[in-house]
N, C-alpha and C. Protein backbone atom coordinates (compact mmCIF):
# COMPACT_ATOMS: atom_id res chain seq x y z
N GLN A 1 0.85 -1.18 0.00
CA GLN A 1 0.00 0.00 0.00
C GLN A 1 0.90 1.24 0.00
N VAL A 2 0.66 2.12 -0.95
CA VAL A 2 1.46 3.33 -1.05
C VAL A 2 0.99 4.34 0.00
N ARG A 3 1.96 4.92 0.68
CA ARG A 3 1.66 5.95 1.67
C ARG A 3 2.47 7.20 1.35
N VAL A 4 1.84 8.34 1.56
CA VAL A 4 2.50 9.62 1.34
C VAL A 4 2.34 10.43 2.62
N ALA A 5 3.45 10.89 3.17
CA ALA A 5 3.37 11.62 4.44
C ALA A 5 4.26 12.85 4.39
N GLU A 6 3.65 14.01 4.64
CA GLU A 6 4.40 15.26 4.69
C GLU A 6 4.82 15.55 6.13
N SER A 7 5.92 16.29 6.26
CA SER A 7 6.36 16.74 7.58
C SER A 7 7.16 18.02 7.41
N GLY A 8 7.39 18.68 8.53
CA GLY A 8 8.24 19.87 8.48
C GLY A 8 7.50 21.19 8.53
N GLY A 9 6.19 21.15 8.51
CA GLY A 9 5.44 22.39 8.57
C GLY A 9 5.49 22.99 9.97
N GLY A 10 4.95 24.19 10.09
CA GLY A 10 4.92 24.85 11.38
C GLY A 10 4.89 26.35 11.22
N LEU A 11 5.31 27.03 12.26
CA LEU A 11 5.31 28.49 12.27
C LEU A 11 6.70 29.00 11.89
N ALA A 12 6.74 29.95 10.97
CA ALA A 12 8.00 30.54 10.54
C ALA A 12 7.87 32.05 10.51
N GLN A 13 8.99 32.70 10.64
CA GLN A 13 9.03 34.16 10.57
C GLN A 13 9.16 34.60 9.12
N ALA A 14 8.56 35.71 8.79
CA ALA A 14 8.74 36.27 7.45
C ALA A 14 10.22 36.51 7.20
N GLY A 15 10.67 36.13 6.01
CA GLY A 15 12.08 36.27 5.67
C GLY A 15 12.91 35.07 6.04
N GLY A 16 12.33 34.15 6.77
CA GLY A 16 13.07 32.98 7.23
C GLY A 16 12.89 31.78 6.33
N PRO A 17 13.56 30.67 6.69
CA PRO A 17 13.50 29.45 5.90
C PRO A 17 12.64 28.37 6.57
N LEU A 18 12.29 27.40 5.77
CA LEU A 18 11.59 26.23 6.28
C LEU A 18 11.78 25.14 5.24
N ARG A 19 11.90 23.90 5.69
CA ARG A 19 12.00 22.78 4.75
C ARG A 19 10.90 21.77 5.02
N LEU A 20 10.18 21.45 3.98
CA LEU A 20 9.15 20.42 4.06
C LEU A 20 9.70 19.12 3.46
N SER A 21 9.25 18.02 4.04
CA SER A 21 9.63 16.70 3.53
C SER A 21 8.38 15.91 3.19
N CYS A 22 8.52 15.05 2.20
CA CYS A 22 7.41 14.18 1.79
C CYS A 22 7.97 12.79 1.55
N ALA A 23 7.53 11.84 2.32
CA ALA A 23 8.01 10.47 2.19
C ALA A 23 6.95 9.61 1.51
N ILE A 24 7.35 8.97 0.43
CA ILE A 24 6.48 8.02 -0.26
C ILE A 24 7.03 6.63 -0.01
N THR A 25 6.22 5.76 0.55
CA THR A 25 6.64 4.40 0.85
C THR A 25 5.59 3.42 0.36
N GLY A 26 6.01 2.16 0.27
CA GLY A 26 5.08 1.12 -0.15
C GLY A 26 4.98 0.96 -1.65
N ASN A 27 5.69 1.76 -2.40
CA ASN A 27 5.64 1.66 -3.86
C ASN A 27 6.78 0.80 -4.36
N THR A 28 6.57 0.20 -5.54
CA THR A 28 7.58 -0.67 -6.12
C THR A 28 8.28 -0.02 -7.30
N GLU A 29 7.87 1.18 -7.65
CA GLU A 29 8.56 1.91 -8.71
C GLU A 29 8.68 3.38 -8.32
N THR A 30 9.67 4.02 -8.89
CA THR A 30 9.92 5.43 -8.59
C THR A 30 8.82 6.29 -9.20
N PRO A 31 8.37 7.28 -8.49
CA PRO A 31 7.35 8.17 -9.07
C PRO A 31 7.85 8.84 -10.35
N THR A 32 6.98 8.96 -11.33
CA THR A 32 7.37 9.63 -12.57
C THR A 32 7.41 11.14 -12.37
N THR A 33 6.50 11.63 -11.58
CA THR A 33 6.53 13.05 -11.22
C THR A 33 6.18 13.18 -9.74
N ARG A 34 6.67 14.26 -9.13
CA ARG A 34 6.32 14.58 -7.76
C ARG A 34 6.02 16.06 -7.69
N GLY A 35 5.18 16.41 -6.77
CA GLY A 35 4.85 17.82 -6.71
C GLY A 35 4.47 18.28 -5.33
N TRP A 36 4.56 19.58 -5.16
CA TRP A 36 4.06 20.25 -3.97
C TRP A 36 2.97 21.22 -4.41
N TYR A 37 1.88 21.21 -3.68
CA TYR A 37 0.76 22.10 -3.91
C TYR A 37 0.42 22.76 -2.58
N ARG A 38 -0.33 23.83 -2.65
CA ARG A 38 -0.75 24.47 -1.41
C ARG A 38 -2.15 25.03 -1.55
N GLN A 39 -2.79 25.14 -0.40
CA GLN A 39 -4.14 25.71 -0.36
C GLN A 39 -4.22 26.68 0.81
N ALA A 40 -4.39 27.92 0.47
CA ALA A 40 -4.54 28.95 1.50
C ALA A 40 -6.02 29.02 1.91
N PRO A 41 -6.31 29.54 3.09
CA PRO A 41 -7.70 29.63 3.55
C PRO A 41 -8.58 30.38 2.56
N GLY A 42 -9.68 29.74 2.19
CA GLY A 42 -10.63 30.38 1.28
C GLY A 42 -10.21 30.38 -0.17
N LYS A 43 -9.11 29.72 -0.50
CA LYS A 43 -8.64 29.73 -1.88
C LYS A 43 -8.52 28.32 -2.41
N GLN A 44 -8.38 28.22 -3.74
CA GLN A 44 -8.22 26.91 -4.35
C GLN A 44 -6.79 26.42 -4.21
N GLN A 45 -6.64 25.14 -4.32
CA GLN A 45 -5.32 24.54 -4.30
C GLN A 45 -4.56 24.93 -5.55
N THR A 46 -3.28 25.27 -5.40
CA THR A 46 -2.46 25.66 -6.55
C THR A 46 -1.13 24.92 -6.53
N MET A 47 -0.55 24.78 -7.68
CA MET A 47 0.74 24.13 -7.82
C MET A 47 1.83 25.05 -7.28
N VAL A 48 2.77 24.47 -6.55
CA VAL A 48 3.92 25.22 -6.05
C VAL A 48 5.17 24.83 -6.81
N ALA A 49 5.44 23.53 -6.89
CA ALA A 49 6.65 23.05 -7.54
C ALA A 49 6.43 21.62 -8.02
N LEU A 50 7.03 21.30 -9.16
CA LEU A 50 6.95 19.96 -9.73
C LEU A 50 8.35 19.48 -10.05
N LEU A 51 8.54 18.17 -9.94
CA LEU A 51 9.82 17.55 -10.25
C LEU A 51 9.56 16.28 -11.03
N ALA A 52 10.08 16.22 -12.24
CA ALA A 52 9.92 15.02 -13.07
C ALA A 52 11.06 14.05 -12.79
N ARG A 53 10.84 12.80 -13.15
CA ARG A 53 11.84 11.77 -12.89
C ARG A 53 13.19 12.15 -13.51
N GLY A 54 13.17 12.77 -14.69
CA GLY A 54 14.41 13.14 -15.36
C GLY A 54 15.10 14.35 -14.76
N GLY A 55 14.45 15.00 -13.80
CA GLY A 55 15.07 16.13 -13.13
C GLY A 55 14.51 17.49 -13.50
N THR A 56 13.63 17.52 -14.48
CA THR A 56 13.03 18.81 -14.86
C THR A 56 12.16 19.34 -13.73
N THR A 57 12.27 20.62 -13.48
CA THR A 57 11.47 21.24 -12.43
C THR A 57 10.60 22.35 -13.01
N ARG A 58 9.56 22.66 -12.28
CA ARG A 58 8.67 23.73 -12.66
C ARG A 58 8.17 24.38 -11.38
N TYR A 59 8.09 25.71 -11.37
CA TYR A 59 7.69 26.44 -10.18
C TYR A 59 6.59 27.44 -10.49
N ALA A 60 5.77 27.69 -9.50
CA ALA A 60 4.82 28.79 -9.61
C ALA A 60 5.61 30.10 -9.63
N GLU A 61 5.10 31.07 -10.36
CA GLU A 61 5.81 32.36 -10.46
C GLU A 61 6.04 32.99 -9.09
N SER A 62 5.10 32.81 -8.20
CA SER A 62 5.17 33.47 -6.89
C SER A 62 6.27 32.92 -6.00
N VAL A 63 6.82 31.74 -6.34
CA VAL A 63 7.86 31.14 -5.49
C VAL A 63 9.20 31.01 -6.19
N LYS A 64 9.27 31.36 -7.46
CA LYS A 64 10.53 31.24 -8.19
C LYS A 64 11.61 32.06 -7.51
N GLY A 65 12.77 31.43 -7.37
CA GLY A 65 13.89 32.10 -6.72
C GLY A 65 13.87 32.01 -5.21
N ARG A 66 12.77 31.51 -4.65
CA ARG A 66 12.67 31.38 -3.18
C ARG A 66 12.50 29.93 -2.75
N PHE A 67 11.87 29.11 -3.56
CA PHE A 67 11.62 27.70 -3.22
C PHE A 67 12.41 26.80 -4.16
N THR A 68 12.83 25.66 -3.65
CA THR A 68 13.50 24.65 -4.47
C THR A 68 12.95 23.28 -4.12
N ILE A 69 12.62 22.51 -5.15
CA ILE A 69 12.17 21.14 -4.95
C ILE A 69 13.34 20.21 -5.23
N SER A 70 13.50 19.19 -4.40
CA SER A 70 14.58 18.23 -4.60
C SER A 70 14.11 16.87 -4.12
N ARG A 71 14.94 15.87 -4.31
CA ARG A 71 14.55 14.50 -3.93
C ARG A 71 15.75 13.75 -3.38
N ALA A 72 15.43 12.70 -2.65
CA ALA A 72 16.44 11.77 -2.14
C ALA A 72 15.75 10.42 -2.05
N ASP A 73 16.23 9.48 -2.85
CA ASP A 73 15.56 8.18 -2.95
C ASP A 73 16.43 7.05 -2.41
N THR A 74 15.79 6.12 -1.74
CA THR A 74 16.42 4.87 -1.35
C THR A 74 15.60 3.73 -1.96
N ALA A 75 16.02 2.52 -1.68
CA ALA A 75 15.29 1.37 -2.22
C ALA A 75 13.89 1.28 -1.64
N TYR A 76 13.67 1.86 -0.47
CA TYR A 76 12.40 1.67 0.22
C TYR A 76 11.61 2.96 0.41
N LYS A 77 12.19 4.08 0.08
CA LYS A 77 11.49 5.33 0.32
C LYS A 77 11.93 6.38 -0.70
N ASN A 78 10.93 7.10 -1.22
CA ASN A 78 11.18 8.24 -2.09
C ASN A 78 10.82 9.50 -1.33
N THR A 79 11.80 10.34 -1.11
CA THR A 79 11.57 11.56 -0.36
C THR A 79 11.67 12.78 -1.27
N THR A 80 10.70 13.64 -1.14
CA THR A 80 10.71 14.90 -1.88
C THR A 80 10.77 16.03 -0.88
N TYR A 81 11.64 16.99 -1.14
CA TYR A 81 11.80 18.13 -0.24
C TYR A 81 11.31 19.41 -0.93
N LEU A 82 10.84 20.30 -0.12
CA LEU A 82 10.56 21.65 -0.59
C LEU A 82 11.34 22.59 0.33
N HIS A 83 12.41 23.17 -0.20
CA HIS A 83 13.21 24.11 0.55
C HIS A 83 12.63 25.49 0.29
N MET A 84 12.29 26.18 1.36
CA MET A 84 11.65 27.48 1.23
C MET A 84 12.51 28.54 1.93
N TRP A 85 12.81 29.62 1.23
CA TRP A 85 13.58 30.73 1.79
C TRP A 85 12.78 32.02 1.61
N ASN A 86 13.19 33.02 2.36
CA ASN A 86 12.55 34.33 2.26
C ASN A 86 11.03 34.20 2.28
N LEU A 87 10.54 33.49 3.27
CA LEU A 87 9.11 33.26 3.37
C LEU A 87 8.34 34.55 3.55
N LYS A 88 7.13 34.56 3.01
CA LYS A 88 6.25 35.71 3.10
C LYS A 88 4.93 35.29 3.75
N PRO A 89 4.23 36.21 4.37
CA PRO A 89 2.95 35.86 4.98
C PRO A 89 2.00 35.21 3.98
N GLU A 90 2.08 35.60 2.72
CA GLU A 90 1.19 35.01 1.71
C GLU A 90 1.57 33.57 1.37
N ASP A 91 2.65 33.06 1.91
CA ASP A 91 2.99 31.65 1.74
C ASP A 91 2.24 30.77 2.74
N THR A 92 1.52 31.40 3.65
CA THR A 92 0.74 30.64 4.62
C THR A 92 -0.31 29.80 3.92
N ALA A 93 -0.29 28.50 4.19
CA ALA A 93 -1.21 27.58 3.52
C ALA A 93 -0.98 26.18 4.08
N VAL A 94 -1.87 25.28 3.70
CA VAL A 94 -1.61 23.86 3.90
C VAL A 94 -0.88 23.37 2.66
N TYR A 95 0.23 22.72 2.87
CA TYR A 95 1.06 22.23 1.76
C TYR A 95 0.87 20.73 1.62
N TYR A 96 0.58 20.33 0.39
CA TYR A 96 0.36 18.93 0.07
C TYR A 96 1.42 18.45 -0.92
N CYS A 97 1.85 17.21 -0.77
CA CYS A 97 2.73 16.64 -1.78
C CYS A 97 2.02 15.49 -2.46
N ASN A 98 2.51 15.16 -3.64
CA ASN A 98 1.96 14.01 -4.35
C ASN A 98 3.06 13.31 -5.12
N GLY A 99 2.73 12.13 -5.58
CA GLY A 99 3.64 11.36 -6.42
C GLY A 99 2.82 10.54 -7.39
N ALA A 100 3.22 10.57 -8.65
CA ALA A 100 2.54 9.78 -9.68
C ALA A 100 3.28 8.46 -9.83
N ILE A 101 2.58 7.37 -9.55
CA ILE A 101 3.15 6.03 -9.65
C ILE A 101 2.22 5.21 -10.53
N GLY A 102 2.74 4.82 -11.71
CA GLY A 102 1.85 4.18 -12.66
C GLY A 102 0.75 5.16 -13.03
N PRO A 103 -0.49 4.68 -13.09
CA PRO A 103 -1.60 5.56 -13.48
C PRO A 103 -2.21 6.34 -12.33
N THR A 104 -1.66 6.18 -11.14
CA THR A 104 -2.28 6.75 -9.95
C THR A 104 -1.46 7.89 -9.38
N LEU A 105 -2.17 8.94 -8.97
CA LEU A 105 -1.55 10.06 -8.30
C LEU A 105 -1.89 9.97 -6.82
N TYR A 106 -0.87 9.80 -6.00
CA TYR A 106 -1.06 9.64 -4.57
C TYR A 106 -0.78 10.96 -3.87
N TRP A 107 -1.64 11.26 -2.89
CA TRP A 107 -1.53 12.53 -2.16
C TRP A 107 -1.33 12.28 -0.68
N GLY A 108 -0.63 13.21 -0.05
CA GLY A 108 -0.52 13.19 1.39
C GLY A 108 -1.66 13.97 2.03
N GLN A 109 -1.65 14.00 3.36
CA GLN A 109 -2.71 14.66 4.10
C GLN A 109 -2.48 16.16 4.28
N GLY A 110 -1.27 16.60 4.00
CA GLY A 110 -0.98 18.03 4.10
C GLY A 110 -0.28 18.40 5.40
N THR A 111 0.46 19.49 5.34
CA THR A 111 1.13 20.03 6.52
C THR A 111 0.96 21.55 6.51
N GLN A 112 0.61 22.10 7.65
CA GLN A 112 0.33 23.53 7.73
C GLN A 112 1.61 24.32 7.83
N VAL A 113 1.70 25.37 7.04
CA VAL A 113 2.80 26.34 7.13
C VAL A 113 2.17 27.70 7.42
N THR A 114 2.60 28.32 8.49
CA THR A 114 2.11 29.64 8.86
C THR A 114 3.30 30.59 8.96
N VAL A 115 3.25 31.68 8.21
CA VAL A 115 4.33 32.65 8.19
C VAL A 115 3.85 33.93 8.86
N SER A 116 4.52 34.31 9.92
CA SER A 116 4.14 35.51 10.65
C SER A 116 4.99 36.69 10.20
N SER A 117 4.38 37.84 10.18
CA SER A 117 5.09 39.04 9.72
C SER A 117 5.75 39.76 10.88
C-alpha cells in the first residue's frame, strides 16, 4: 500500500526558511513526477513546484527564486523536499505533496505552514 506523508510544517518568521519533507513508501517503482501544492484559507489549491523523474522542475511564479524542490531516494522510500527561503505571509497555507506512480496520483494529508510578519 502506497503511503504519502508530509512533515516539516509549522510556524516561521517572514524572511526565514523552512524545509518540508514528503516520504512516499510502499511503492515498487519510482514516481514519474512529484509535486508540492498548497491551499490557502478560502482559496483553491495551486501548484507550487513539480519535479519530473528526469530532473526537470517547474515552479509557480510566486515562489521562483525562493523555493527549491529536490529529492532523495532509497530502495524503500522516495523523499521529496521543498526548501523554502525568504518566506512571506502570503505563503501561509496547507502544503500537500503528491507522487505519480503508474496511473495513480497519490496525495498526502498536508502540513500547515504559517508565516508571521
